[in-house]
Amino acid sequence: MIRIELNGQPREIPDGSSITDLLAIDGADRRQVAVVVNELVIRPDDRSAHILRKGDQVDVLVFAGGG
């Protein structure tokens, strides 16, 4: 297990987890979120290859519509 910061809160995840893994663990709809790791936006096509590391700061931003 490693510790990351997810949306400002400490979170432990399995070592070797990708962003795709994190989104599955968290139950997020992968199509409607933006993911930022250490202030770098990660493209949806790159999420499965991006392995999270101890201490990473991850923000998952949900798109909301309205008017």
C-alpha atoms as a PDB file:
ATOM      1  CA  MET A   1       0.000   0.000   0.000  1.00  0.00           C
ATOM      2  CA  ILE A   2       1.075   3.570  -0.679  1.00  0.00           C
ATOM      3  CA  ARG A   3      -0.334   6.836   0.564  1.00  0.00           C
ATOM      4  CA  ILE A   4      -1.429   9.533  -1.850  1.00  0.00           C
ATOM      5  CA  GLU A   5      -3.505  12.658  -1.415  1.00  0.00           C
ATOM      6  CA  LEU A   6      -6.839  12.432  -3.228  1.00  0.00           C
ATOM      7  CA  ASN A   7      -8.795  15.686  -3.475  1.00  0.00           C
ATOM      8  CA  GLY A   8      -6.969  17.009  -0.429  1.00  0.00           C
ATOM      9  CA  GLN A   9      -7.498  13.916   1.727  1.00  0.00           C
ATOM     10  CA  PRO A  10      -4.974  11.174   2.552  1.00  0.00           C
ATOM     11  CA  ARG A  11      -5.779   7.875   0.874  1.00  0.00           C
ATOM     12  CA  GLU A  12      -4.062   4.492   0.824  1.00  0.00           C
ATOM     13  CA  ILE A  13      -4.107   2.520  -2.411  1.00  0.00           C
ATOM     14  CA  PRO A  14      -2.346  -0.644  -3.572  1.00  0.00           C
ATOM     15  CA  ASP A  15       1.229  -0.118  -4.748  1.00  0.00           C
ATOM     16  CA  GLY A  16       1.392  -0.125  -8.550  1.00  0.00           C
ATOM     17  CA  SER A  17      -2.100   1.347  -9.029  1.00  0.00           C
ATOM     18  CA  SER A  18      -2.768   3.334 -12.162  1.00  0.00           C
ATOM     19  CA  ILE A  19      -5.156   6.242 -12.442  1.00  0.00           C
ATOM     20  CA  THR A  20      -7.645   3.876 -14.070  1.00  0.00           C
ATOM     21  CA  ASP A  21      -7.342   1.593 -11.029  1.00  0.00           C
ATOM     22  CA  LEU A  22      -7.892   4.535  -8.671  1.00  0.00           C
ATOM     23  CA  LEU A  23     -11.009   5.625 -10.528  1.00  0.00           C
ATOM     24  CA  ALA A  24     -12.388   2.075 -10.333  1.00  0.00           C
ATOM     25  CA  ILE A  25     -11.641   1.896  -6.597  1.00  0.00           C
ATOM     26  CA  ASP A  26     -13.271   5.280  -6.066  1.00  0.00           C
ATOM     27  CA  GLY A  27     -16.276   4.434  -8.252  1.00  0.00           C
ATOM     28  CA  ALA A  28     -15.865   7.506 -10.471  1.00  0.00           C
ATOM     29  CA  ASP A  29     -17.384   7.603 -13.943  1.00  0.00           C
ATOM     30  CA  ARG A  30     -14.175   7.724 -15.981  1.00  0.00           C
ATOM     31  CA  ARG A  31     -15.833   9.458 -18.919  1.00  0.00           C
ATOM     32  CA  GLN A  32     -16.960  12.499 -16.957  1.00  0.00           C
ATOM     33  CA  VAL A  33     -13.905  13.422 -14.913  1.00  0.00           C
ATOM     34  CA  ALA A  34     -10.629  15.241 -15.356  1.00  0.00           C
ATOM     35  CA  VAL A  35      -7.608  13.948 -13.449  1.00  0.00           C
ATOM     36  CA  VAL A  36      -4.713  16.110 -12.286  1.00  0.00           C
ATOM     37  CA  VAL A  37      -1.606  14.539 -10.724  1.00  0.00           C
ATOM     38  CA  ASN A  38       0.914  16.890  -9.134  1.00  0.00           C
ATOM     39  CA  GLU A  39      -0.583  19.807 -11.119  1.00  0.00           C
ATOM     40  CA  LEU A  40      -0.324  17.948 -14.447  1.00  0.00           C
ATOM     41  CA  VAL A  41      -3.511  17.080 -16.336  1.00  0.00           C
ATOM     42  CA  ILE A  42      -3.490  13.415 -17.347  1.00  0.00           C
ATOM     43  CA  ARG A  43      -5.233  12.699 -20.648  1.00  0.00           C
ATOM     44  CA  PRO A  44      -7.847   9.923 -20.602  1.00  0.00           C
ATOM     45  CA  ASP A  45      -5.760   7.849 -23.052  1.00  0.00           C
ATOM     46  CA  ASP A  46      -2.793   7.961 -20.638  1.00  0.00           C
ATOM     47  CA  ARG A  47      -4.599   7.019 -17.409  1.00  0.00           C
ATOM     48  CA  SER A  48      -4.008   3.270 -17.530  1.00  0.00           C
ATOM     49  CA  ALA A  49      -0.261   3.765 -18.107  1.00  0.00           C
ATOM     50  CA  HIS A  50       0.185   6.425 -15.394  1.00  0.00           C
ATOM     51  CA  ILE A  51       1.245   4.582 -12.220  1.00  0.00           C
ATOM     52  CA  LEU A  52       0.697   6.524  -9.020  1.00  0.00           C
ATOM     53  CA  ARG A  53       3.565   6.935  -6.580  1.00  0.00           C
ATOM     54  CA  LYS A  54       3.819   7.537  -2.864  1.00  0.00           C
ATOM     55  CA  GLY A  55       3.026  11.157  -2.043  1.00  0.00           C
ATOM     56  CA  ASP A  56       1.314  12.000  -5.344  1.00  0.00           C
ATOM     57  CA  GLN A  57      -1.320  14.712  -5.102  1.00  0.00           C
ATOM     58  CA  VAL A  58      -4.304  13.649  -7.184  1.00  0.00           C
ATOM     59  CA  ASP A  59      -7.369  15.725  -7.941  1.00  0.00           C
ATOM     60  CA  VAL A  60     -10.370  14.146  -9.636  1.00  0.00           C
ATOM     61  CA  LEU A  61     -12.614  16.862 -11.024  1.00  0.00           C
ATOM     62  CA  VAL A  62     -16.199  16.026 -11.942  1.00  0.00           C
ATOM     63  CA  PHE A  63     -17.827  17.878 -14.803  1.00  0.00           C
ATOM     64  CA  ALA A  64     -21.163  19.370 -13.874  1.00  0.00           C
ATOM     65  CA  GLY A  65     -23.683  20.871 -16.208  1.00  0.00           C
ATOM     66  CA  GLY A  66     -26.462  23.220 -15.458  1.00  0.00           C
ATOM     67  CA  GLY A  67     -27.818  26.539 -16.209  1.00  0.00           C
END
